[in-house]
Amino acid sequence: MEKKYQYILMADIISSRKSDQKMLMEHFARLVSTSNSRNKPALASPLTITLGDEFQSIAKNLKSALQVIISIEELIIQEQYGFKLRYVLLEGEIDTPINEQIAYGMLGEGLTRARKALTEAKGNKARFSVDVKNKKLTNALNNSLVIYQSLIDGWKIAKDYALITEFLMFGDYKKVANETGKTRSQIWKREKSLKINEYIAIKEVIHYLIL
């Protein structure tokens, strides 16, 4: 059978053993289920929990894969989940037909490489790892994701997530002020301290890279 290159997306929970296991798994399962519903058109094979604290999937293309990652990160903020994920996005070969119902029963070098990359990433500080056939694009995406991570990892769950959700929903700080009952000055200052404009900018850069 002819080998086909696919965009394989895997992720695991960072330091999952240090958390309340029951609640963690409930939240992780809910995250995966909601992400599958929101991103169904982007996925050739859905996010599928494999080892309890990991999932794997196949995206339809590179743009879809990056959109899924950002969607998941914003859902974690929206739901104020107390965990972070480490991702591997790899363009690799899959020898068997894509399972459109569940990301099981598929074989290929790409899946093996992605699994190895996720294991090796556990010793790194970077939460995002991209490896596509275009090496210049690989470097540009990884560098952009370093900036993306530095912004979102600086936000605090209890202090920032609820307000960031408002910014993601309404955008303009004046609308956020109206929704939250805060003054425009207060929200403008928080917009600057949270670097909301920088967050939007790096998302747009990532989008431009994969057009």
N, C-alpha and C. Protein backbone atom coordinates (compact mmCIF):
# COMPACT_ATOMS: atom_id res chain seq x y z
N MET A 1 0.84 -1.19 0.00
CA MET A 1 0.00 0.00 0.00
C MET A 1 0.88 1.25 0.00
N GLU A 2 0.50 2.24 -0.81
CA GLU A 2 1.28 3.47 -0.91
C GLU A 2 1.25 4.24 0.41
N LYS A 3 2.41 4.71 0.82
CA LYS A 3 2.50 5.47 2.05
C LYS A 3 1.95 6.87 1.83
N LYS A 4 1.28 7.39 2.85
CA LYS A 4 0.71 8.72 2.77
C LYS A 4 1.21 9.57 3.93
N TYR A 5 1.58 10.80 3.63
CA TYR A 5 2.01 11.72 4.68
C TYR A 5 0.79 12.37 5.31
N GLN A 6 0.76 12.35 6.63
CA GLN A 6 -0.35 12.92 7.37
C GLN A 6 0.18 13.83 8.48
N TYR A 7 -0.69 14.68 8.99
CA TYR A 7 -0.33 15.57 10.10
C TYR A 7 -0.81 14.94 11.41
N ILE A 8 0.15 14.37 12.11
CA ILE A 8 -0.13 13.62 13.33
C ILE A 8 0.00 14.57 14.52
N LEU A 9 -1.03 14.62 15.34
CA LEU A 9 -1.02 15.49 16.52
C LEU A 9 -1.18 14.64 17.77
N MET A 10 -0.19 14.72 18.65
CA MET A 10 -0.23 14.03 19.93
C MET A 10 0.02 15.04 21.04
N ALA A 11 -0.49 14.74 22.24
CA ALA A 11 -0.23 15.60 23.39
C ALA A 11 -0.38 14.80 24.67
N ASP A 12 0.29 15.27 25.71
CA ASP A 12 0.10 14.66 27.03
C ASP A 12 0.05 15.75 28.09
N ILE A 13 -0.46 15.38 29.25
CA ILE A 13 -0.57 16.32 30.37
C ILE A 13 0.79 16.40 31.06
N ILE A 14 1.23 17.61 31.32
CA ILE A 14 2.51 17.81 32.00
C ILE A 14 2.33 17.58 33.50
N SER A 15 3.23 16.77 34.07
CA SER A 15 3.22 16.49 35.52
C SER A 15 1.86 16.00 36.00
N SER A 16 1.26 15.09 35.26
CA SER A 16 -0.09 14.62 35.60
C SER A 16 -0.14 13.87 36.92
N ARG A 17 0.95 13.24 37.33
CA ARG A 17 0.95 12.45 38.55
C ARG A 17 0.90 13.31 39.81
N LYS A 18 1.15 14.61 39.65
CA LYS A 18 1.15 15.51 40.80
C LYS A 18 -0.23 16.07 41.10
N SER A 19 -1.23 15.72 40.28
CA SER A 19 -2.55 16.30 40.40
C SER A 19 -3.56 15.31 40.96
N ASP A 20 -4.71 15.81 41.35
CA ASP A 20 -5.84 14.98 41.75
C ASP A 20 -6.26 14.16 40.53
N GLN A 21 -5.98 12.87 40.55
CA GLN A 21 -6.14 12.04 39.36
C GLN A 21 -7.57 11.96 38.85
N LYS A 22 -8.52 11.81 39.75
CA LYS A 22 -9.92 11.67 39.32
C LYS A 22 -10.40 12.93 38.62
N MET A 23 -10.20 14.07 39.26
CA MET A 23 -10.64 15.33 38.66
C MET A 23 -9.87 15.62 37.38
N LEU A 24 -8.57 15.33 37.38
CA LEU A 24 -7.74 15.57 36.20
C LEU A 24 -8.26 14.79 35.00
N MET A 25 -8.54 13.52 35.20
CA MET A 25 -9.01 12.69 34.09
C MET A 25 -10.39 13.12 33.61
N GLU A 26 -11.24 13.56 34.55
CA GLU A 26 -12.56 14.04 34.15
C GLU A 26 -12.43 15.29 33.29
N HIS A 27 -11.58 16.22 33.72
CA HIS A 27 -11.39 17.45 32.97
C HIS A 27 -10.73 17.17 31.61
N PHE A 28 -9.77 16.26 31.59
CA PHE A 28 -9.09 15.92 30.34
C PHE A 28 -10.05 15.28 29.35
N ALA A 29 -10.89 14.38 29.84
CA ALA A 29 -11.88 13.73 28.97
C ALA A 29 -12.87 14.75 28.42
N ARG A 30 -13.26 15.72 29.26
CA ARG A 30 -14.19 16.76 28.83
C ARG A 30 -13.52 17.66 27.79
N LEU A 31 -12.25 17.97 28.02
CA LEU A 31 -11.50 18.79 27.07
C LEU A 31 -11.43 18.12 25.71
N VAL A 32 -11.12 16.84 25.68
CA VAL A 32 -11.01 16.09 24.43
C VAL A 32 -12.36 16.02 23.72
N SER A 33 -13.42 15.74 24.47
CA SER A 33 -14.75 15.64 23.88
C SER A 33 -15.20 16.97 23.27
N THR A 34 -15.03 18.06 24.01
CA THR A 34 -15.43 19.37 23.51
C THR A 34 -14.58 19.78 22.31
N SER A 35 -13.28 19.50 22.38
CA SER A 35 -12.39 19.84 21.28
C SER A 35 -12.76 19.09 20.01
N ASN A 36 -13.13 17.84 20.15
CA ASN A 36 -13.56 17.06 18.99
C ASN A 36 -14.82 17.66 18.36
N SER A 37 -15.75 18.11 19.19
CA SER A 37 -16.99 18.71 18.68
C SER A 37 -16.69 20.03 17.96
N ARG A 38 -15.85 20.85 18.57
CA ARG A 38 -15.55 22.17 18.00
C ARG A 38 -14.69 22.09 16.74
N ASN A 39 -13.88 21.05 16.67
CA ASN A 39 -12.89 20.98 15.57
C ASN A 39 -13.14 19.81 14.62
N LYS A 40 -14.35 19.31 14.60
CA LYS A 40 -14.65 18.13 13.77
C LYS A 40 -14.24 18.31 12.31
N PRO A 41 -14.49 19.46 11.67
CA PRO A 41 -14.10 19.62 10.27
C PRO A 41 -12.59 19.61 10.05
N ALA A 42 -11.82 19.86 11.11
CA ALA A 42 -10.36 19.95 10.99
C ALA A 42 -9.66 18.61 11.17
N LEU A 43 -10.39 17.60 11.63
CA LEU A 43 -9.77 16.34 12.04
C LEU A 43 -10.12 15.20 11.09
N ALA A 44 -9.11 14.53 10.58
CA ALA A 44 -9.32 13.32 9.78
C ALA A 44 -9.58 12.13 10.69
N SER A 45 -8.96 12.14 11.86
CA SER A 45 -9.19 11.14 12.91
C SER A 45 -9.24 11.88 14.23
N PRO A 46 -10.26 11.67 15.05
CA PRO A 46 -10.49 12.54 16.21
C PRO A 46 -9.46 12.38 17.31
N LEU A 47 -9.39 13.39 18.18
CA LEU A 47 -8.58 13.28 19.38
C LEU A 47 -9.05 12.06 20.16
N THR A 48 -8.13 11.18 20.45
CA THR A 48 -8.46 9.93 21.13
C THR A 48 -7.52 9.72 22.30
N ILE A 49 -8.07 9.59 23.50
CA ILE A 49 -7.24 9.36 24.68
C ILE A 49 -6.66 7.96 24.60
N THR A 50 -5.35 7.87 24.76
CA THR A 50 -4.66 6.58 24.60
C THR A 50 -4.17 6.01 25.92
N LEU A 51 -3.36 6.75 26.64
CA LEU A 51 -2.74 6.23 27.87
C LEU A 51 -3.26 6.93 29.12
N GLY A 52 -4.46 7.42 29.08
CA GLY A 52 -5.03 8.07 30.24
C GLY A 52 -4.77 9.56 30.26
N ASP A 53 -3.50 9.93 30.14
CA ASP A 53 -3.15 11.36 30.16
C ASP A 53 -2.55 11.81 28.84
N GLU A 54 -2.84 11.08 27.75
CA GLU A 54 -2.35 11.43 26.42
C GLU A 54 -3.47 11.28 25.39
N PHE A 55 -3.35 12.04 24.30
CA PHE A 55 -4.25 11.81 23.17
C PHE A 55 -3.45 11.82 21.88
N GLN A 56 -4.02 11.22 20.86
CA GLN A 56 -3.46 11.30 19.52
C GLN A 56 -4.58 11.51 18.52
N SER A 57 -4.23 12.07 17.36
CA SER A 57 -5.22 12.37 16.33
C SER A 57 -4.51 12.61 15.02
N ILE A 58 -5.29 12.74 13.96
CA ILE A 58 -4.77 13.09 12.64
C ILE A 58 -5.53 14.30 12.14
N ALA A 59 -4.82 15.39 11.88
CA ALA A 59 -5.45 16.60 11.33
C ALA A 59 -5.50 16.51 9.81
N LYS A 60 -6.44 17.22 9.22
CA LYS A 60 -6.60 17.16 7.77
C LYS A 60 -5.47 17.86 7.02
N ASN A 61 -4.90 18.87 7.64
CA ASN A 61 -3.78 19.58 7.03
C ASN A 61 -3.06 20.36 8.12
N LEU A 62 -1.99 21.06 7.75
CA LEU A 62 -1.19 21.78 8.74
C LEU A 62 -1.99 22.92 9.37
N LYS A 63 -2.72 23.66 8.55
CA LYS A 63 -3.52 24.76 9.09
C LYS A 63 -4.51 24.24 10.13
N SER A 64 -5.17 23.15 9.81
CA SER A 64 -6.13 22.56 10.75
C SER A 64 -5.46 22.14 12.05
N ALA A 65 -4.27 21.56 11.94
CA ALA A 65 -3.56 21.08 13.12
C ALA A 65 -3.23 22.23 14.08
N LEU A 66 -2.73 23.35 13.53
CA LEU A 66 -2.42 24.50 14.38
C LEU A 66 -3.67 25.12 14.95
N GLN A 67 -4.74 25.14 14.19
CA GLN A 67 -6.01 25.66 14.69
C GLN A 67 -6.52 24.82 15.85
N VAL A 68 -6.36 23.51 15.76
CA VAL A 68 -6.79 22.63 16.85
C VAL A 68 -5.98 22.91 18.11
N ILE A 69 -4.69 23.05 17.97
CA ILE A 69 -3.83 23.32 19.14
C ILE A 69 -4.26 24.60 19.83
N ILE A 70 -4.43 25.67 19.08
CA ILE A 70 -4.81 26.96 19.67
C ILE A 70 -6.21 26.88 20.27
N SER A 71 -7.10 26.18 19.59
CA SER A 71 -8.46 25.99 20.12
C SER A 71 -8.43 25.27 21.46
N ILE A 72 -7.59 24.25 21.59
CA ILE A 72 -7.47 23.51 22.84
C ILE A 72 -6.93 24.42 23.94
N GLU A 73 -5.89 25.19 23.63
CA GLU A 73 -5.31 26.08 24.63
C GLU A 73 -6.32 27.12 25.11
N GLU A 74 -7.12 27.64 24.21
CA GLU A 74 -8.12 28.63 24.60
C GLU A 74 -9.27 27.99 25.36
N LEU A 75 -9.57 26.74 25.08
CA LEU A 75 -10.60 26.03 25.84
C LEU A 75 -10.13 25.78 27.27
N ILE A 76 -8.86 25.46 27.44
CA ILE A 76 -8.30 25.28 28.79
C ILE A 76 -8.45 26.57 29.60
N ILE A 77 -8.23 27.71 28.94
CA ILE A 77 -8.39 29.01 29.61
C ILE A 77 -9.86 29.25 29.93
N GLN A 78 -10.72 29.01 28.96
CA GLN A 78 -12.15 29.24 29.13
C GLN A 78 -12.72 28.42 30.28
N GLU A 79 -12.32 27.16 30.37
CA GLU A 79 -12.84 26.27 31.40
C GLU A 79 -12.03 26.32 32.69
N GLN A 80 -10.93 27.09 32.67
CA GLN A 80 -10.07 27.26 33.84
C GLN A 80 -9.56 25.92 34.38
N TYR A 81 -9.13 25.08 33.45
CA TYR A 81 -8.54 23.79 33.84
C TYR A 81 -7.15 24.02 34.42
N GLY A 82 -6.83 23.25 35.43
CA GLY A 82 -5.56 23.44 36.12
C GLY A 82 -4.44 22.56 35.62
N PHE A 83 -4.34 22.38 34.32
CA PHE A 83 -3.24 21.59 33.77
C PHE A 83 -2.80 22.17 32.44
N LYS A 84 -1.61 21.79 32.02
CA LYS A 84 -1.07 22.23 30.74
C LYS A 84 -0.69 20.99 29.92
N LEU A 85 -0.73 21.15 28.62
CA LEU A 85 -0.41 20.06 27.70
C LEU A 85 0.91 20.31 26.98
N ARG A 86 1.55 19.21 26.63
CA ARG A 86 2.76 19.24 25.80
C ARG A 86 2.38 18.59 24.47
N TYR A 87 2.67 19.28 23.35
CA TYR A 87 2.20 18.83 22.02
C TYR A 87 3.35 18.43 21.11
N VAL A 88 3.08 17.46 20.26
CA VAL A 88 3.94 17.13 19.13
C VAL A 88 3.07 17.12 17.88
N LEU A 89 3.45 17.91 16.90
CA LEU A 89 2.78 17.92 15.60
C LEU A 89 3.81 17.52 14.56
N LEU A 90 3.58 16.40 13.91
CA LEU A 90 4.58 15.83 13.01
C LEU A 90 3.94 15.42 11.69
N GLU A 91 4.60 15.78 10.60
CA GLU A 91 4.17 15.33 9.28
C GLU A 91 4.91 14.04 8.97
N GLY A 92 4.17 12.95 8.91
CA GLY A 92 4.82 11.66 8.73
C GLY A 92 3.96 10.65 8.00
N GLU A 93 4.55 9.51 7.75
CA GLU A 93 3.90 8.48 6.95
C GLU A 93 2.98 7.61 7.81
N ILE A 94 1.82 7.32 7.25
CA ILE A 94 0.91 6.34 7.83
C ILE A 94 0.60 5.34 6.73
N ASP A 95 0.85 4.07 7.01
CA ASP A 95 0.73 3.03 5.99
C ASP A 95 -0.68 2.48 5.85
N THR A 96 -1.45 2.58 6.90
CA THR A 96 -2.80 2.00 6.92
C THR A 96 -3.85 3.07 6.67
N PRO A 97 -5.08 2.68 6.32
CA PRO A 97 -6.15 3.68 6.12
C PRO A 97 -6.40 4.48 7.40
N ILE A 98 -6.78 5.74 7.24
CA ILE A 98 -7.09 6.59 8.39
C ILE A 98 -8.41 6.15 9.01
N ASN A 99 -8.39 5.92 10.30
CA ASN A 99 -9.60 5.57 11.02
C ASN A 99 -10.34 6.86 11.37
N GLU A 100 -11.46 7.08 10.73
CA GLU A 100 -12.19 8.34 10.91
C GLU A 100 -13.00 8.38 12.19
N GLN A 101 -13.15 7.25 12.85
CA GLN A 101 -13.99 7.18 14.05
C GLN A 101 -13.20 7.31 15.34
N ILE A 102 -11.99 6.74 15.35
CA ILE A 102 -11.17 6.75 16.56
C ILE A 102 -9.71 6.58 16.13
N ALA A 103 -8.80 7.25 16.81
CA ALA A 103 -7.40 7.23 16.39
C ALA A 103 -6.67 6.00 16.92
N TYR A 104 -7.21 4.84 16.56
CA TYR A 104 -6.61 3.55 16.90
C TYR A 104 -6.44 2.74 15.63
N GLY A 105 -5.60 1.71 15.71
CA GLY A 105 -5.50 0.74 14.63
C GLY A 105 -4.78 1.23 13.40
N MET A 106 -4.03 2.31 13.52
CA MET A 106 -3.27 2.82 12.37
C MET A 106 -1.78 2.59 12.62
N LEU A 107 -1.05 2.32 11.55
CA LEU A 107 0.37 2.02 11.66
C LEU A 107 1.16 2.87 10.68
N GLY A 108 2.40 3.13 11.04
CA GLY A 108 3.28 3.86 10.13
C GLY A 108 4.43 4.50 10.87
N GLU A 109 5.48 4.82 10.10
CA GLU A 109 6.67 5.42 10.68
C GLU A 109 6.35 6.75 11.35
N GLY A 110 5.41 7.51 10.77
CA GLY A 110 5.07 8.80 11.33
C GLY A 110 4.54 8.70 12.75
N LEU A 111 3.68 7.73 13.00
CA LEU A 111 3.14 7.53 14.34
C LEU A 111 4.24 7.14 15.32
N THR A 112 5.15 6.28 14.86
CA THR A 112 6.27 5.86 15.71
C THR A 112 7.16 7.05 16.06
N ARG A 113 7.46 7.88 15.07
CA ARG A 113 8.30 9.06 15.30
C ARG A 113 7.61 10.07 16.22
N ALA A 114 6.31 10.25 16.03
CA ALA A 114 5.57 11.20 16.87
C ALA A 114 5.55 10.73 18.31
N ARG A 115 5.34 9.43 18.52
CA ARG A 115 5.34 8.89 19.88
C ARG A 115 6.70 9.07 20.53
N LYS A 116 7.76 8.81 19.78
CA LYS A 116 9.11 8.98 20.30
C LYS A 116 9.39 10.44 20.63
N ALA A 117 8.94 11.34 19.76
CA ALA A 117 9.16 12.77 19.97
C ALA A 117 8.44 13.26 21.21
N LEU A 118 7.23 12.74 21.46
CA LEU A 118 6.48 13.14 22.64
C LEU A 118 7.19 12.67 23.91
N THR A 119 7.72 11.46 23.87
CA THR A 119 8.46 10.93 25.02
C THR A 119 9.71 11.76 25.29
N GLU A 120 10.44 12.07 24.22
CA GLU A 120 11.68 12.85 24.37
C GLU A 120 11.41 14.28 24.81
N ALA A 121 10.25 14.82 24.47
CA ALA A 121 9.92 16.20 24.80
C ALA A 121 9.70 16.40 26.30
N LYS A 122 9.54 15.32 27.04
CA LYS A 122 9.27 15.44 28.47
C LYS A 122 10.43 16.06 29.23
N GLY A 123 11.60 16.08 28.63
CA GLY A 123 12.74 16.72 29.28
C GLY A 123 12.96 18.16 28.85
N ASN A 124 12.05 18.68 28.01
CA ASN A 124 12.21 20.04 27.49
C ASN A 124 11.23 21.00 28.14
N LYS A 125 11.59 22.27 28.13
CA LYS A 125 10.69 23.29 28.66
C LYS A 125 9.62 23.69 27.64
N ALA A 126 9.94 23.53 26.37
CA ALA A 126 8.98 23.90 25.32
C ALA A 126 7.80 22.94 25.33
N ARG A 127 6.59 23.49 25.26
CA ARG A 127 5.38 22.67 25.25
C ARG A 127 4.90 22.34 23.84
N PHE A 128 5.51 22.97 22.84
CA PHE A 128 5.06 22.79 21.46
C PHE A 128 6.23 22.37 20.59
N SER A 129 6.05 21.29 19.84
CA SER A 129 7.09 20.81 18.94
C SER A 129 6.45 20.50 17.58
N VAL A 130 6.94 21.17 16.55
CA VAL A 130 6.44 20.96 15.19
C VAL A 130 7.56 20.41 14.33
N ASP A 131 7.24 19.41 13.52
CA ASP A 131 8.21 18.81 12.61
C ASP A 131 7.51 18.48 11.30
N VAL A 132 7.66 19.37 10.31
CA VAL A 132 7.06 19.13 8.99
C VAL A 132 8.17 19.02 7.96
N LYS A 133 7.83 18.60 6.75
CA LYS A 133 8.84 18.34 5.73
C LYS A 133 9.59 19.60 5.31
N ASN A 134 8.92 20.74 5.36
CA ASN A 134 9.55 22.02 5.05
C ASN A 134 10.29 22.51 6.30
N LYS A 135 11.61 22.44 6.29
CA LYS A 135 12.40 22.72 7.49
C LYS A 135 12.38 24.20 7.86
N LYS A 136 12.34 25.09 6.87
CA LYS A 136 12.26 26.51 7.18
C LYS A 136 10.93 26.82 7.87
N LEU A 137 9.87 26.21 7.40
CA LEU A 137 8.56 26.40 8.02
C LEU A 137 8.55 25.78 9.42
N THR A 138 9.19 24.64 9.57
CA THR A 138 9.31 24.00 10.89
C THR A 138 9.95 24.96 11.89
N ASN A 139 11.07 25.57 11.49
CA ASN A 139 11.78 26.49 12.38
C ASN A 139 10.93 27.73 12.69
N ALA A 140 10.26 28.27 11.68
CA ALA A 140 9.44 29.46 11.88
C ALA A 140 8.28 29.19 12.83
N LEU A 141 7.64 28.04 12.66
CA LEU A 141 6.52 27.69 13.54
C LEU A 141 6.98 27.45 14.97
N ASN A 142 8.07 26.72 15.12
CA ASN A 142 8.58 26.45 16.48
C ASN A 142 8.99 27.74 17.18
N ASN A 143 9.62 28.66 16.45
CA ASN A 143 10.00 29.94 17.05
C ASN A 143 8.77 30.76 17.43
N SER A 144 7.76 30.74 16.58
CA SER A 144 6.52 31.46 16.89
C SER A 144 5.83 30.87 18.11
N LEU A 145 5.87 29.57 18.23
CA LEU A 145 5.22 28.90 19.36
C LEU A 145 5.97 29.11 20.67
N VAL A 146 7.26 29.40 20.59
CA VAL A 146 8.00 29.79 21.80
C VAL A 146 7.41 31.09 22.36
N ILE A 147 7.15 32.04 21.47
CA ILE A 147 6.55 33.31 21.88
C ILE A 147 5.13 33.07 22.38
N TYR A 148 4.37 32.27 21.65
CA TYR A 148 3.00 31.95 22.05
C TYR A 148 2.98 31.35 23.45
N GLN A 149 3.86 30.40 23.71
CA GLN A 149 3.92 29.77 25.03
C GLN A 149 4.30 30.76 26.12
N SER A 150 5.24 31.63 25.84
CA SER A 150 5.68 32.59 26.86
C SER A 150 4.53 33.49 27.30
N LEU A 151 3.61 33.79 26.40
CA LEU A 151 2.47 34.62 26.74
C LEU A 151 1.45 33.85 27.57
N ILE A 152 1.02 32.70 27.08
CA ILE A 152 -0.06 31.98 27.77
C ILE A 152 0.41 31.36 29.08
N ASP A 153 1.67 31.00 29.18
CA ASP A 153 2.16 30.41 30.43
C ASP A 153 2.40 31.48 31.50
N GLY A 154 2.34 32.74 31.10
CA GLY A 154 2.46 33.82 32.08
C GLY A 154 1.13 34.17 32.73
N TRP A 155 0.04 33.61 32.21
CA TRP A 155 -1.28 33.89 32.76
C TRP A 155 -1.60 32.95 33.93
N LYS A 156 -2.31 33.47 34.93
CA LYS A 156 -2.66 32.71 36.11
C LYS A 156 -4.13 32.29 36.06
N ILE A 157 -4.40 31.07 36.50
CA ILE A 157 -5.76 30.53 36.41
C ILE A 157 -6.75 31.38 37.17
N ALA A 158 -6.56 31.53 38.47
CA ALA A 158 -7.54 32.23 39.30
C ALA A 158 -7.59 33.72 39.01
N LYS A 159 -6.45 34.30 38.70
CA LYS A 159 -6.35 35.75 38.54
C LYS A 159 -6.72 36.23 37.15
N ASP A 160 -6.35 35.48 36.12
CA ASP A 160 -6.40 35.99 34.75
C ASP A 160 -7.38 35.29 33.81
N TYR A 161 -7.63 34.01 33.98
CA TYR A 161 -8.33 33.23 32.96
C TYR A 161 -9.73 33.76 32.64
N ALA A 162 -10.48 34.15 33.66
CA ALA A 162 -11.84 34.63 33.41
C ALA A 162 -11.83 35.89 32.56
N LEU A 163 -10.94 36.82 32.86
CA LEU A 163 -10.87 38.06 32.10
C LEU A 163 -10.35 37.81 30.68
N ILE A 164 -9.38 36.92 30.54
CA ILE A 164 -8.85 36.59 29.21
C ILE A 164 -9.95 35.99 28.34
N THR A 165 -10.81 35.18 28.94
CA THR A 165 -11.95 34.61 28.21
C THR A 165 -12.83 35.71 27.66
N GLU A 166 -13.04 36.76 28.46
CA GLU A 166 -13.84 37.91 27.99
C GLU A 166 -13.16 38.59 26.80
N PHE A 167 -11.85 38.74 26.87
CA PHE A 167 -11.13 39.34 25.75
C PHE A 167 -11.23 38.48 24.50
N LEU A 168 -11.15 37.16 24.67
CA LEU A 168 -11.25 36.26 23.52
C LEU A 168 -12.64 36.31 22.90
N MET A 169 -13.65 36.55 23.73
CA MET A 169 -15.03 36.59 23.24
C MET A 169 -15.38 37.93 22.60
N PHE A 170 -14.97 39.03 23.24
CA PHE A 170 -15.43 40.35 22.83
C PHE A 170 -14.37 41.22 22.17
N GLY A 171 -13.09 40.89 22.37
CA GLY A 171 -12.02 41.60 21.70
C GLY A 171 -11.75 42.98 22.28
N ASP A 172 -12.55 43.96 21.91
CA ASP A 172 -12.32 45.35 22.29
C ASP A 172 -12.43 45.54 23.80
N TYR A 173 -11.48 46.25 24.38
CA TYR A 173 -11.46 46.41 25.83
C TYR A 173 -12.68 47.17 26.34
N LYS A 174 -13.26 48.04 25.51
CA LYS A 174 -14.45 48.80 25.93
C LYS A 174 -15.64 47.86 26.09
N LYS A 175 -15.77 46.88 25.19
CA LYS A 175 -16.84 45.90 25.33
C LYS A 175 -16.61 45.01 26.55
N VAL A 176 -15.36 44.66 26.78
CA VAL A 176 -15.03 43.84 27.95
C VAL A 176 -15.36 44.59 29.23
N ALA A 177 -15.09 45.88 29.25
CA ALA A 177 -15.42 46.70 30.42
C ALA A 177 -16.92 46.68 30.68
N ASN A 178 -17.71 46.81 29.63
CA ASN A 178 -19.17 46.78 29.77
C ASN A 178 -19.64 45.44 30.31
N GLU A 179 -19.04 44.36 29.81
CA GLU A 179 -19.47 43.02 30.21
C GLU A 179 -19.07 42.69 31.65
N THR A 180 -17.95 43.21 32.08
CA THR A 180 -17.43 42.87 33.41
C THR A 180 -17.83 43.87 34.49
N GLY A 181 -18.38 45.02 34.08
CA GLY A 181 -18.75 46.04 35.05
C GLY A 181 -17.57 46.81 35.60
N LYS A 182 -16.43 46.71 34.94
CA LYS A 182 -15.24 47.45 35.35
C LYS A 182 -15.13 48.72 34.51
N THR A 183 -14.30 49.65 34.97
CA THR A 183 -14.10 50.87 34.19
C THR A 183 -13.22 50.56 32.98
N ARG A 184 -13.35 51.41 31.96
CA ARG A 184 -12.53 51.23 30.77
C ARG A 184 -11.05 51.36 31.09
N SER A 185 -10.74 52.24 32.02
CA SER A 185 -9.34 52.42 32.41
C SER A 185 -8.78 51.16 33.05
N GLN A 186 -9.57 50.53 33.92
CA GLN A 186 -9.12 49.29 34.57
C GLN A 186 -8.86 48.19 33.54
N ILE A 187 -9.80 48.03 32.62
CA ILE A 187 -9.68 46.96 31.62
C ILE A 187 -8.57 47.26 30.63
N TRP A 188 -8.39 48.53 30.26
CA TRP A 188 -7.30 48.90 29.36
C TRP A 188 -5.95 48.54 29.99
N LYS A 189 -5.80 48.82 31.28
CA LYS A 189 -4.55 48.49 31.97
C LYS A 189 -4.33 46.98 32.02
N ARG A 190 -5.40 46.22 32.24
CA ARG A 190 -5.28 44.76 32.28
C ARG A 190 -4.98 44.20 30.88
N GLU A 191 -5.55 44.82 29.86
CA GLU A 191 -5.25 44.41 28.49
C GLU A 191 -3.76 44.54 28.21
N LYS A 192 -3.17 45.62 28.70
CA LYS A 192 -1.74 45.85 28.50
C LYS A 192 -0.91 44.88 29.34
N SER A 193 -1.26 44.69 30.59
CA SER A 193 -0.47 43.82 31.47
C SER A 193 -0.55 42.36 31.06
N LEU A 194 -1.69 41.96 30.51
CA LEU A 194 -1.85 40.57 30.04
C LEU A 194 -1.30 40.36 28.64
N LYS A 195 -0.91 41.46 27.98
CA LYS A 195 -0.36 41.41 26.62
C LYS A 195 -1.32 40.74 25.64
N ILE A 196 -2.58 41.18 25.70
CA ILE A 196 -3.61 40.63 24.83
C ILE A 196 -3.31 40.93 23.37
N ASN A 197 -2.87 42.14 23.08
CA ASN A 197 -2.56 42.50 21.68
C ASN A 197 -1.40 41.67 21.14
N GLU A 198 -0.42 41.40 22.01
CA GLU A 198 0.70 40.55 21.59
C GLU A 198 0.23 39.13 21.32
N TYR A 199 -0.71 38.66 22.14
CA TYR A 199 -1.25 37.31 21.94
C TYR A 199 -1.97 37.22 20.59
N ILE A 200 -2.79 38.21 20.30
CA ILE A 200 -3.50 38.23 19.02
C ILE A 200 -2.51 38.31 17.86
N ALA A 201 -1.46 39.10 18.04
CA ALA A 201 -0.46 39.27 16.98
C ALA A 201 0.25 37.97 16.66
N ILE A 202 0.66 37.22 17.68
CA ILE A 202 1.40 35.98 17.42
C ILE A 202 0.47 34.92 16.82
N LYS A 203 -0.80 34.94 17.17
CA LYS A 203 -1.75 34.03 16.51
C LYS A 203 -1.85 34.36 15.03
N GLU A 204 -1.85 35.64 14.70
CA GLU A 204 -1.92 36.04 13.30
C GLU A 204 -0.65 35.66 12.55
N VAL A 205 0.51 35.78 13.20
CA VAL A 205 1.76 35.36 12.58
C VAL A 205 1.72 33.87 12.24
N ILE A 206 1.26 33.06 13.20
CA ILE A 206 1.15 31.62 12.96
C ILE A 206 0.21 31.36 11.80
N HIS A 207 -0.89 32.10 11.76
CA HIS A 207 -1.85 31.94 10.67
C HIS A 207 -1.21 32.28 9.31
N TYR A 208 -0.45 33.36 9.26
CA TYR A 208 0.20 33.75 8.00
C TYR A 208 1.21 32.70 7.53
N LEU A 209 1.90 32.07 8.48
CA LEU A 209 2.91 31.08 8.13
C LEU A 209 2.31 29.85 7.45
N ILE A 210 1.06 29.56 7.75
CA ILE A 210 0.47 28.32 7.23
C ILE A 210 -0.58 28.56 6.16
N LEU A 211 -0.65 29.78 5.64
CA LEU A 211 -1.58 30.06 4.55
C LEU A 211 -1.19 29.28 3.30
